[in-house]
Amino acid sequence: MKRLATVTLASVFLGACVTAPAPDSDKESPAVNQGAPGSDRYSLQQDTAPHAPRDISGVQEPVPKHEPLSRYGNPETYSVWGKTYRVLPSADGYVEEGKASWYGQKFHGHRTSSGEAFDMYQFTAAHRSLPLPTYVRVTNLDNGKSLVVRVNDRGPFHSERIIDLSWAAAVRLGIDQAGTGRVRVEAINPASSSPQGNTVPTAVRAAVDSPPPAPATAAATGGGLYLQAGAFQDRSSAERLQQALQVQLGLATEIRQQASLYRVWIGPYGDDSQRQQARQQVADAGFDRPMPVSY
């Protein structure tokens, strides 16, 4: 939940926030201690909940609407900590599962990647690759709570979390006390105010951090070790990612349909060492880090 102060986009300095770990994690130091550019603009070294929390029971969910893209928050690529990330040209058909974290007091009132001021009492979020702004529905997979939020910031980058929620959104979804939670993120079509199911017009997609349950261990089934690079509501989007992985990285991939999602799997691998090397290769190429799965 601790966050960096800025994201460097090409030669442009933006006030984006970069996520680090939740409060219960001591694996990573606060960004301010890492000498991040601009991190000295914050009066707090560690993020916290509001010093004087408000009652957010009356806060209304944002109503999805068509908005012009942020002038500053949507370059084709941008770099954080020496790694390059790619911004999706469209949120159409986007669906992703994984861990969410949140940010609050430290960044309240400061500029987000879209140029807007961050308000921890509103239902907003930060995401690595969705266009700014994008409306998404976030569902807590552990308690079923669901909420529409407006994505207007970049992050998280310091872990395998897929979205950073404002403090208010985390409270509404019931993940503020734990610091993180398992969620599903679905892009919303402003015309219908419901998750979209159209084709994503790009081969670059975020990985799914919550893999499907395997029917049995690889050893028991004679199967192998895989990486899950993405999950989609329509097959054509999965095929785009599959093609990108094959053309750009020469990786063996397959598409598996499970429930209502088409999942892009990389592999199989003979041992976990090979799988981890491929996982790093995918991440180094600018794709979100895929999750290990077995079948």
C-alpha atoms as a PDB file:
ATOM      1  CA  MET A   1       0.000   0.000   0.000  1.00  0.00           C
ATOM      2  CA  LYS A   2       2.984   2.291   0.324  1.00  0.00           C
ATOM      3  CA  ARG A   3       3.470   4.150  -2.892  1.00  0.00           C
ATOM      4  CA  LEU A   4       6.077   5.966  -4.931  1.00  0.00           C
ATOM      5  CA  ALA A   5       5.665   9.614  -5.603  1.00  0.00           C
ATOM      6  CA  THR A   6       5.880   9.799  -9.363  1.00  0.00           C
ATOM      7  CA  VAL A   7       5.986   7.933 -12.617  1.00  0.00           C
ATOM      8  CA  THR A   8       8.325   9.097 -15.361  1.00  0.00           C
ATOM      9  CA  LEU A   9       6.601   9.029 -18.723  1.00  0.00           C
ATOM     10  CA  ALA A  10       9.225   9.420 -21.438  1.00  0.00           C
ATOM     11  CA  SER A  11      10.655  12.860 -20.681  1.00  0.00           C
ATOM     12  CA  VAL A  12       7.500  14.114 -18.955  1.00  0.00           C
ATOM     13  CA  PHE A  13       7.344  14.172 -15.159  1.00  0.00           C
ATOM     14  CA  LEU A  14       3.943  13.073 -13.885  1.00  0.00           C
ATOM     15  CA  GLY A  15       2.542  13.033 -10.385  1.00  0.00           C
ATOM     16  CA  ALA A  16       1.500   9.398 -10.565  1.00  0.00           C
ATOM     17  CA  CYS A  17       1.543   7.118  -7.575  1.00  0.00           C
ATOM     18  CA  VAL A  18       3.263   3.762  -7.536  1.00  0.00           C
ATOM     19  CA  THR A  19       2.141   1.051  -5.211  1.00  0.00           C
ATOM     20  CA  ALA A  20       4.380  -0.814  -2.825  1.00  0.00           C
ATOM     21  CA  PRO A  21       3.334  -3.359  -0.192  1.00  0.00           C
ATOM     22  CA  ALA A  22       0.441  -3.426   2.233  1.00  0.00           C
ATOM     23  CA  PRO A  23       1.002  -2.361   5.834  1.00  0.00           C
ATOM     24  CA  ASP A  24       1.571  -5.920   6.989  1.00  0.00           C
ATOM     25  CA  SER A  25       4.473  -6.472   4.577  1.00  0.00           C
ATOM     26  CA  ASP A  26       8.079  -5.703   5.458  1.00  0.00           C
ATOM     27  CA  LYS A  27       9.618  -7.021   2.252  1.00  0.00           C
ATOM     28  CA  GLU A  28       9.859  -3.618   0.606  1.00  0.00           C
ATOM     29  CA  SER A  29      10.885  -0.264   1.994  1.00  0.00           C
ATOM     30  CA  PRO A  30       8.726   2.858   1.656  1.00  0.00           C
ATOM     31  CA  ALA A  31       9.273   4.596  -1.653  1.00  0.00           C
ATOM     32  CA  VAL A  32      10.598   7.686   0.057  1.00  0.00           C
ATOM     33  CA  ASN A  33      13.472   5.625   1.388  1.00  0.00           C
ATOM     34  CA  GLN A  34      14.367   4.504  -2.115  1.00  0.00           C
ATOM     35  CA  GLY A  35      15.037   8.027  -3.357  1.00  0.00           C
ATOM     36  CA  ALA A  36      12.152   8.047  -5.817  1.00  0.00           C
ATOM     37  CA  PRO A  37      11.987  11.252  -7.897  1.00  0.00           C
ATOM     38  CA  GLY A  38       9.612  13.679  -6.243  1.00  0.00           C
ATOM     39  CA  SER A  39       8.988  11.503  -3.189  1.00  0.00           C
ATOM     40  CA  ASP A  40      10.016  14.359  -0.933  1.00  0.00           C
ATOM     41  CA  ARG A  41       6.846  16.242  -1.841  1.00  0.00           C
ATOM     42  CA  TYR A  42       4.850  14.118   0.629  1.00  0.00           C
ATOM     43  CA  SER A  43       4.739  15.049   4.298  1.00  0.00           C
ATOM     44  CA  LEU A  44       4.196  11.406   5.301  1.00  0.00           C
ATOM     45  CA  GLN A  45       6.760   8.671   4.733  1.00  0.00           C
ATOM     46  CA  GLN A  46       4.256   5.842   5.113  1.00  0.00           C
ATOM     47  CA  ASP A  47       0.701   5.704   3.868  1.00  0.00           C
ATOM     48  CA  THR A  48      -2.162   5.377   6.353  1.00  0.00           C
ATOM     49  CA  ALA A  49      -5.921   5.517   6.609  1.00  0.00           C
ATOM     50  CA  PRO A  50      -7.362   9.010   7.144  1.00  0.00           C
ATOM     51  CA  HIS A  51      -6.294  10.634  10.385  1.00  0.00           C
ATOM     52  CA  ALA A  52      -9.939  11.505  10.981  1.00  0.00           C
ATOM     53  CA  PRO A  53     -11.970   8.973   8.951  1.00  0.00           C
ATOM     54  CA  ARG A  54     -15.291  10.146   7.520  1.00  0.00           C
ATOM     55  CA  ASP A  55     -18.504   8.209   7.256  1.00  0.00           C
ATOM     56  CA  ILE A  56     -18.593   7.099   3.613  1.00  0.00           C
ATOM     57  CA  SER A  57     -21.956   5.331   3.790  1.00  0.00           C
ATOM     58  CA  GLY A  58     -23.512   8.176   1.823  1.00  0.00           C
ATOM     59  CA  VAL A  59     -20.859   8.357  -0.895  1.00  0.00           C
ATOM     60  CA  GLN A  60     -22.427   7.513  -4.265  1.00  0.00           C
ATOM     61  CA  GLU A  61     -20.842   5.252  -6.845  1.00  0.00           C
ATOM     62  CA  PRO A  62     -19.612   7.189  -9.881  1.00  0.00           C
ATOM     63  CA  VAL A  63     -21.945   6.998 -12.859  1.00  0.00           C
ATOM     64  CA  PRO A  64     -20.038   5.745 -15.916  1.00  0.00           C
ATOM     65  CA  LYS A  65     -19.987   8.275 -18.726  1.00  0.00           C
ATOM     66  CA  HIS A  66     -17.973   8.972 -21.849  1.00  0.00           C
ATOM     67  CA  GLU A  67     -15.028  11.246 -21.061  1.00  0.00           C
ATOM     68  CA  PRO A  68     -12.097  12.488 -23.123  1.00  0.00           C
ATOM     69  CA  LEU A  69      -8.844  10.726 -22.365  1.00  0.00           C
ATOM     70  CA  SER A  70      -6.488  12.451 -19.978  1.00  0.00           C
ATOM     71  CA  ARG A  71      -4.025  14.639 -21.832  1.00  0.00           C
ATOM     72  CA  TYR A  72      -1.141  13.556 -19.608  1.00  0.00           C
ATOM     73  CA  GLY A  73      -1.993  10.048 -18.439  1.00  0.00           C
ATOM     74  CA  ASN A  74      -2.143   8.044 -21.666  1.00  0.00           C
ATOM     75  CA  PRO A  75       1.187   7.754 -23.464  1.00  0.00           C
ATOM     76  CA  GLU A  76       1.678   4.620 -25.532  1.00  0.00           C
ATOM     77  CA  THR A  77       4.353   3.486 -23.069  1.00  0.00           C
ATOM     78  CA  TYR A  78       5.852   4.783 -19.839  1.00  0.00           C
ATOM     79  CA  SER A  79       8.634   3.693 -17.495  1.00  0.00           C
ATOM     80  CA  VAL A  80       8.771   3.074 -13.749  1.00  0.00           C
ATOM     81  CA  TRP A  81      11.899   1.871 -11.930  1.00  0.00           C
ATOM     82  CA  GLY A  82      13.508   1.096 -15.300  1.00  0.00           C
ATOM     83  CA  LYS A  83      10.641  -1.056 -16.565  1.00  0.00           C
ATOM     84  CA  THR A  84       8.460  -0.078 -19.521  1.00  0.00           C
ATOM     85  CA  TYR A  85       4.671  -0.478 -19.370  1.00  0.00           C
ATOM     86  CA  ARG A  86       2.153  -0.267 -22.197  1.00  0.00           C
ATOM     87  CA  VAL A  87      -1.161   1.565 -22.031  1.00  0.00           C
ATOM     88  CA  LEU A  88      -4.141  -0.118 -23.665  1.00  0.00           C
ATOM     89  CA  PRO A  89      -5.698   1.973 -26.447  1.00  0.00           C
ATOM     90  CA  SER A  90      -9.134   0.806 -25.286  1.00  0.00           C
ATOM     91  CA  ALA A  91     -10.713  -0.806 -22.225  1.00  0.00           C
ATOM     92  CA  ASP A  92     -13.233  -2.737 -24.334  1.00  0.00           C
ATOM     93  CA  GLY A  93     -13.725  -6.281 -23.083  1.00  0.00           C
ATOM     94  CA  TYR A  94     -11.278  -5.939 -20.222  1.00  0.00           C
ATOM     95  CA  VAL A  95     -11.586  -8.409 -17.331  1.00  0.00           C
ATOM     96  CA  GLU A  96      -8.901  -9.258 -14.794  1.00  0.00           C
ATOM     97  CA  GLU A  97      -8.662 -11.109 -11.488  1.00  0.00           C
ATOM     98  CA  GLY A  98      -6.031 -10.715  -8.811  1.00  0.00           C
ATOM     99  CA  LYS A  99      -5.097  -8.802  -5.683  1.00  0.00           C
ATOM    100  CA  ALA A 100      -6.148  -5.253  -4.885  1.00  0.00           C
ATOM    101  CA  SER A 101      -4.475  -2.893  -2.441  1.00  0.00           C
ATOM    102  CA  TRP A 102      -5.378   0.671  -1.416  1.00  0.00           C
ATOM    103  CA  TYR A 103      -3.874   4.110  -0.767  1.00  0.00           C
ATOM    104  CA  GLY A 104      -4.983   7.004   1.388  1.00  0.00           C
ATOM    105  CA  GLN A 105      -3.737   9.806   3.638  1.00  0.00           C
ATOM    106  CA  LYS A 106      -0.211  10.155   2.252  1.00  0.00           C
ATOM    107  CA  PHE A 107      -1.451  10.932  -1.254  1.00  0.00           C
ATOM    108  CA  HIS A 108      -4.684  12.767  -0.429  1.00  0.00           C
ATOM    109  CA  GLY A 109      -4.817  16.050  -2.334  1.00  0.00           C
ATOM    110  CA  HIS A 110      -1.782  15.314  -4.469  1.00  0.00           C
ATOM    111  CA  ARG A 111      -1.807  14.992  -8.231  1.00  0.00           C
ATOM    112  CA  THR A 112      -2.633  11.682  -9.891  1.00  0.00           C
ATOM    113  CA  SER A 113      -1.314  10.503 -13.261  1.00  0.00           C
ATOM    114  CA  SER A 114      -4.363  12.029 -14.965  1.00  0.00           C
ATOM    115  CA  GLY A 115      -3.551  15.412 -13.477  1.00  0.00           C
ATOM    116  CA  GLU A 116      -6.502  15.345 -11.070  1.00  0.00           C
ATOM    117  CA  ALA A 117      -6.110  15.614  -7.314  1.00  0.00           C
ATOM    118  CA  PHE A 118      -6.380  12.343  -5.435  1.00  0.00           C
ATOM    119  CA  ASP A 119      -9.382  12.211  -3.081  1.00  0.00           C
ATOM    120  CA  MET A 120      -9.278   9.194  -0.786  1.00  0.00           C
ATOM    121  CA  TYR A 121     -12.951   9.731   0.100  1.00  0.00           C
ATOM    122  CA  GLN A 122     -14.114   9.129  -3.488  1.00  0.00           C
ATOM    123  CA  PHE A 123     -14.389   5.830  -5.337  1.00  0.00           C
ATOM    124  CA  THR A 124     -11.330   5.928  -7.590  1.00  0.00           C
ATOM    125  CA  ALA A 125      -8.438   3.617  -8.440  1.00  0.00           C
ATOM    126  CA  ALA A 126      -5.007   3.281 -10.023  1.00  0.00           C
ATOM    127  CA  HIS A 127      -4.193   0.764 -12.761  1.00  0.00           C
ATOM    128  CA  ARG A 128      -1.074   0.070 -14.828  1.00  0.00           C
ATOM    129  CA  SER A 129      -2.539  -0.241 -18.301  1.00  0.00           C
ATOM    130  CA  LEU A 130      -6.171   0.908 -18.555  1.00  0.00           C
ATOM    131  CA  PRO A 131      -6.763   4.227 -20.317  1.00  0.00           C
ATOM    132  CA  LEU A 132      -7.323   7.185 -17.991  1.00  0.00           C
ATOM    133  CA  PRO A 133     -10.112   7.602 -17.160  1.00  0.00           C
ATOM    134  CA  THR A 134     -11.872   4.227 -17.289  1.00  0.00           C
ATOM    135  CA  TYR A 135     -14.851   3.072 -15.241  1.00  0.00           C
ATOM    136  CA  VAL A 136     -14.579  -0.446 -13.867  1.00  0.00           C
ATOM    137  CA  ARG A 137     -16.607  -2.679 -11.592  1.00  0.00           C
ATOM    138  CA  VAL A 138     -14.509  -4.192  -8.816  1.00  0.00           C
ATOM    139  CA  THR A 139     -15.878  -7.277  -7.076  1.00  0.00           C
ATOM    140  CA  ASN A 140     -14.450  -8.692  -3.860  1.00  0.00           C
ATOM    141  CA  LEU A 141     -14.151 -12.415  -4.624  1.00  0.00           C
ATOM    142  CA  ASP A 142     -14.166 -13.313  -0.930  1.00  0.00           C
ATOM    143  CA  ASN A 143     -17.356 -11.556   0.161  1.00  0.00           C
ATOM    144  CA  GLY A 144     -19.192 -10.773  -3.087  1.00  0.00           C
ATOM    145  CA  LYS A 145     -19.281  -7.007  -2.535  1.00  0.00           C
ATOM    146  CA  SER A 146     -19.136  -4.991  -5.752  1.00  0.00           C
ATOM    147  CA  LEU A 147     -18.428  -1.348  -6.541  1.00  0.00           C
ATOM    148  CA  VAL A 148     -17.999   0.928  -9.569  1.00  0.00           C
ATOM    149  CA  VAL A 149     -14.814   3.005  -9.420  1.00  0.00           C
ATOM    150  CA  ARG A 150     -13.221   5.535 -11.763  1.00  0.00           C
ATOM    151  CA  VAL A 151      -9.614   4.730 -12.723  1.00  0.00           C
ATOM    152  CA  ASN A 152      -7.665   7.992 -12.872  1.00  0.00           C
ATOM    153  CA  ASP A 153      -4.164   7.038 -11.687  1.00  0.00           C
ATOM    154  CA  ARG A 154      -1.266   4.670 -12.435  1.00  0.00           C
ATOM    155  CA  GLY A 155      -0.154   1.776 -10.228  1.00  0.00           C
ATOM    156  CA  PRO A 156       0.472  -0.604  -8.581  1.00  0.00           C
ATOM    157  CA  PHE A 157       4.031  -1.436  -9.717  1.00  0.00           C
ATOM    158  CA  HIS A 158       5.925  -2.807  -6.735  1.00  0.00           C
ATOM    159  CA  SER A 159       4.171  -6.156  -6.439  1.00  0.00           C
ATOM    160  CA  GLU A 160       1.862  -8.495  -8.293  1.00  0.00           C
ATOM    161  CA  ARG A 161      -1.253  -6.567  -7.379  1.00  0.00           C
ATOM    162  CA  ILE A 162      -3.483  -5.493 -10.224  1.00  0.00           C
ATOM    163  CA  ILE A 163      -5.291  -2.419  -8.901  1.00  0.00           C
ATOM    164  CA  ASP A 164      -4.896   0.216  -6.199  1.00  0.00           C
ATOM    165  CA  LEU A 165      -8.190   1.402  -4.696  1.00  0.00           C
ATOM    166  CA  SER A 166      -8.853   4.641  -2.890  1.00  0.00           C
ATOM    167  CA  TRP A 167      -9.328   4.241   0.858  1.00  0.00           C
ATOM    168  CA  ALA A 168     -13.091   4.776   0.517  1.00  0.00           C
ATOM    169  CA  ALA A 169     -13.393   2.103  -2.176  1.00  0.00           C
ATOM    170  CA  ALA A 170     -11.402  -0.340  -0.042  1.00  0.00           C
ATOM    171  CA  VAL A 171     -13.721   0.309   2.905  1.00  0.00           C
ATOM    172  CA  ARG A 172     -16.831  -0.220   0.792  1.00  0.00           C
ATOM    173  CA  LEU A 173     -15.440  -3.499  -0.546  1.00  0.00           C
ATOM    174  CA  GLY A 174     -14.269  -4.670   2.865  1.00  0.00           C
ATOM    175  CA  ILE A 175     -10.519  -4.906   2.237  1.00  0.00           C
ATOM    176  CA  ASP A 176      -9.276  -1.866   4.138  1.00  0.00           C
ATOM    177  CA  GLN A 177      -8.448  -3.735   7.343  1.00  0.00           C
ATOM    178  CA  ALA A 178      -6.558  -6.583   5.647  1.00  0.00           C
ATOM    179  CA  GLY A 179      -4.749  -4.198   3.296  1.00  0.00           C
ATOM    180  CA  THR A 180      -5.332  -6.386   0.243  1.00  0.00           C
ATOM    181  CA  GLY A 181      -8.100  -8.540  -1.180  1.00  0.00           C
ATOM    182  CA  ARG A 182      -8.901 -10.840  -4.087  1.00  0.00           C
ATOM    183  CA  VAL A 183     -10.931  -9.003  -6.715  1.00  0.00           C
ATOM    184  CA  ARG A 184     -12.289  -9.138 -10.234  1.00  0.00           C
ATOM    185  CA  VAL A 185     -11.944  -5.971 -12.322  1.00  0.00           C
ATOM    186  CA  GLU A 186     -14.298  -5.509 -15.296  1.00  0.00           C
ATOM    187  CA  ALA A 187     -14.358  -2.559 -17.665  1.00  0.00           C
ATOM    188  CA  ILE A 188     -17.724  -0.832 -17.975  1.00  0.00           C
ATOM    189  CA  ASN A 189     -19.323   0.429 -21.150  1.00  0.00           C
ATOM    190  CA  PRO A 190     -20.618   3.928 -20.316  1.00  0.00           C
ATOM    191  CA  ALA A 191     -23.460   3.477 -22.801  1.00  0.00           C
ATOM    192  CA  SER A 192     -24.886   0.505 -20.904  1.00  0.00           C
ATOM    193  CA  SER A 193     -23.224   0.896 -17.467  1.00  0.00           C
ATOM    194  CA  SER A 194     -22.371  -2.790 -17.495  1.00  0.00           C
ATOM    195  CA  PRO A 195     -19.146  -4.795 -18.036  1.00  0.00           C
ATOM    196  CA  GLN A 196     -18.187  -4.883 -21.673  1.00  0.00           C
ATOM    197  CA  GLY A 197     -17.774  -8.010 -23.719  1.00  0.00           C
ATOM    198  CA  ASN A 198     -16.226  -6.664 -26.895  1.00  0.00           C
ATOM    199  CA  THR A 199     -12.918  -7.464 -28.484  1.00  0.00           C
ATOM    200  CA  VAL A 200      -9.861  -5.775 -27.041  1.00  0.00           C
ATOM    201  CA  PRO A 201      -8.083  -4.017 -29.939  1.00  0.00           C
ATOM    202  CA  THR A 202      -4.592  -4.843 -28.687  1.00  0.00           C
ATOM    203  CA  ALA A 203      -2.424  -7.862 -28.085  1.00  0.00           C
ATOM    204  CA  VAL A 204      -1.118  -6.615 -24.756  1.00  0.00           C
ATOM    205  CA  ARG A 205      -3.237  -7.689 -21.794  1.00  0.00           C
ATOM    206  CA  ALA A 206      -2.754  -7.883 -18.050  1.00  0.00           C
ATOM    207  CA  ALA A 207      -2.149 -11.207 -16.381  1.00  0.00           C
ATOM    208  CA  VAL A 208      -4.667 -12.889 -14.102  1.00  0.00           C
ATOM    209  CA  ASP A 209      -3.261 -13.270 -10.617  1.00  0.00           C
ATOM    210  CA  SER A 210      -5.966 -15.633  -9.382  1.00  0.00           C
ATOM    211  CA  PRO A 211      -5.504 -18.865 -11.375  1.00  0.00           C
ATOM    212  CA  PRO A 212      -8.373 -21.331 -11.776  1.00  0.00           C
ATOM    213  CA  PRO A 213      -8.382 -24.340  -9.454  1.00  0.00           C
ATOM    214  CA  ALA A 214      -6.537 -27.245 -11.031  1.00  0.00           C
ATOM    215  CA  PRO A 215      -8.441 -30.552 -11.140  1.00  0.00           C
ATOM    216  CA  ALA A 216      -5.404 -32.315  -9.704  1.00  0.00           C
ATOM    217  CA  THR A 217      -1.663 -31.889  -9.367  1.00  0.00           C
ATOM    218  CA  ALA A 218       0.516 -32.069 -12.435  1.00  0.00           C
ATOM    219  CA  ALA A 219       2.172 -35.223 -11.167  1.00  0.00           C
ATOM    220  CA  ALA A 220      -1.150 -36.971 -10.640  1.00  0.00           C
ATOM    221  CA  THR A 221      -2.521 -36.135 -14.075  1.00  0.00           C
ATOM    222  CA  GLY A 222       0.624 -36.497 -16.105  1.00  0.00           C
ATOM    223  CA  GLY A 223       0.226 -32.856 -17.096  1.00  0.00           C
ATOM    224  CA  GLY A 224       2.694 -30.037 -16.699  1.00  0.00           C
ATOM    225  CA  LEU A 225       3.516 -26.653 -15.299  1.00  0.00           C
ATOM    226  CA  TYR A 226       2.062 -23.573 -17.007  1.00  0.00           C
ATOM    227  CA  LEU A 227       1.843 -19.803 -16.739  1.00  0.00           C
ATOM    228  CA  GLN A 228      -1.475 -18.002 -17.082  1.00  0.00           C
ATOM    229  CA  ALA A 229      -0.935 -14.793 -19.034  1.00  0.00           C
ATOM    230  CA  GLY A 230      -4.499 -13.526 -19.229  1.00  0.00           C
ATOM    231  CA  ALA A 231      -8.220 -14.265 -19.094  1.00  0.00           C
ATOM    232  CA  PHE A 232     -10.863 -12.838 -21.420  1.00  0.00           C
ATOM    233  CA  GLN A 233     -14.595 -12.830 -21.964  1.00  0.00           C
ATOM    234  CA  ASP A 234     -14.219 -13.350 -25.705  1.00  0.00           C
ATOM    235  CA  ARG A 235     -11.939 -15.715 -27.563  1.00  0.00           C
ATOM    236  CA  SER A 236     -10.666 -13.173 -30.102  1.00  0.00           C
ATOM    237  CA  SER A 237      -9.056 -11.136 -27.322  1.00  0.00           C
ATOM    238  CA  ALA A 238      -7.350 -14.248 -25.990  1.00  0.00           C
ATOM    239  CA  GLU A 239      -6.090 -15.031 -29.471  1.00  0.00           C
ATOM    240  CA  ARG A 240      -4.546 -11.564 -29.753  1.00  0.00           C
ATOM    241  CA  LEU A 241      -2.516 -12.098 -26.610  1.00  0.00           C
ATOM    242  CA  GLN A 242      -1.597 -15.611 -27.723  1.00  0.00           C
ATOM    243  CA  GLN A 243      -0.299 -14.258 -31.026  1.00  0.00           C
ATOM    244  CA  ALA A 244       1.695 -11.504 -29.313  1.00  0.00           C
ATOM    245  CA  LEU A 245       3.410 -13.989 -27.010  1.00  0.00           C
ATOM    246  CA  GLN A 246       4.212 -16.293 -29.903  1.00  0.00           C
ATOM    247  CA  VAL A 247       5.446 -13.592 -32.309  1.00  0.00           C
ATOM    248  CA  GLN A 248       7.311 -11.386 -29.845  1.00  0.00           C
ATOM    249  CA  LEU A 249       8.725 -14.028 -27.516  1.00  0.00           C
ATOM    250  CA  GLY A 250       8.411 -17.308 -29.398  1.00  0.00           C
ATOM    251  CA  LEU A 251       6.548 -18.928 -26.504  1.00  0.00           C
ATOM    252  CA  ALA A 252       4.381 -22.024 -26.766  1.00  0.00           C
ATOM    253  CA  THR A 253       0.833 -21.057 -25.772  1.00  0.00           C
ATOM    254  CA  GLU A 254      -2.661 -22.484 -25.706  1.00  0.00           C
ATOM    255  CA  ILE A 255      -6.152 -21.201 -24.948  1.00  0.00           C
ATOM    256  CA  ARG A 256      -8.274 -23.002 -22.369  1.00  0.00           C
ATOM    257  CA  GLN A 257     -11.953 -22.225 -21.917  1.00  0.00           C
ATOM    258  CA  GLN A 258     -13.049 -22.473 -18.307  1.00  0.00           C
ATOM    259  CA  ALA A 259     -16.462 -21.286 -17.217  1.00  0.00           C
ATOM    260  CA  SER A 260     -17.089 -17.971 -19.031  1.00  0.00           C
ATOM    261  CA  LEU A 261     -13.440 -17.062 -19.568  1.00  0.00           C
ATOM    262  CA  TYR A 262     -10.852 -17.876 -22.220  1.00  0.00           C
ATOM    263  CA  ARG A 263      -7.511 -18.265 -20.420  1.00  0.00           C
ATOM    264  CA  VAL A 264      -4.157 -17.921 -22.198  1.00  0.00           C
ATOM    265  CA  TRP A 265      -1.662 -20.456 -20.859  1.00  0.00           C
ATOM    266  CA  ILE A 266       2.058 -20.583 -21.624  1.00  0.00           C
ATOM    267  CA  GLY A 267       3.884 -23.896 -21.475  1.00  0.00           C
ATOM    268  CA  PRO A 268       4.060 -26.635 -20.397  1.00  0.00           C
ATOM    269  CA  TYR A 269       7.411 -26.582 -18.588  1.00  0.00           C
ATOM    270  CA  GLY A 270       9.400 -29.539 -17.340  1.00  0.00           C
ATOM    271  CA  ASP A 271      10.321 -27.942 -14.007  1.00  0.00           C
ATOM    272  CA  ASP A 272       9.605 -24.825 -12.008  1.00  0.00           C
ATOM    273  CA  SER A 273      12.991 -23.294 -12.774  1.00  0.00           C
ATOM    274  CA  GLN A 274      12.170 -23.181 -16.489  1.00  0.00           C
ATOM    275  CA  ARG A 275       8.743 -21.789 -15.717  1.00  0.00           C
ATOM    276  CA  GLN A 276      10.142 -18.990 -13.548  1.00  0.00           C
ATOM    277  CA  GLN A 277      12.621 -18.024 -16.259  1.00  0.00           C
ATOM    278  CA  ALA A 278       9.766 -17.730 -18.756  1.00  0.00           C
ATOM    279  CA  ARG A 279       7.718 -15.759 -16.257  1.00  0.00           C
ATOM    280  CA  GLN A 280      10.504 -13.204 -15.945  1.00  0.00           C
ATOM    281  CA  GLN A 281      10.927 -13.106 -19.729  1.00  0.00           C
ATOM    282  CA  VAL A 282       7.261 -12.192 -20.175  1.00  0.00           C
ATOM    283  CA  ALA A 283       7.465  -9.486 -17.498  1.00  0.00           C
ATOM    284  CA  ASP A 284      10.663  -8.045 -18.977  1.00  0.00           C
ATOM    285  CA  ALA A 285       8.920  -7.742 -22.353  1.00  0.00           C
ATOM    286  CA  GLY A 286       6.382  -5.302 -20.891  1.00  0.00           C
ATOM    287  CA  PHE A 287       3.515  -7.705 -20.268  1.00  0.00           C
ATOM    288  CA  ASP A 288       2.114  -8.077 -16.772  1.00  0.00           C
ATOM    289  CA  ARG A 289       3.723 -10.921 -14.869  1.00  0.00           C
ATOM    290  CA  PRO A 290       1.812 -14.196 -15.510  1.00  0.00           C
ATOM    291  CA  MET A 291       0.782 -16.491 -12.679  1.00  0.00           C
ATOM    292  CA  PRO A 292       1.932 -20.120 -12.252  1.00  0.00           C
ATOM    293  CA  VAL A 293      -0.748 -22.772 -12.761  1.00  0.00           C
ATOM    294  CA  SER A 294      -0.640 -26.546 -12.968  1.00  0.00           C
ATOM    295  CA  TYR A 295      -2.808 -28.999 -14.832  1.00  0.00           C
END
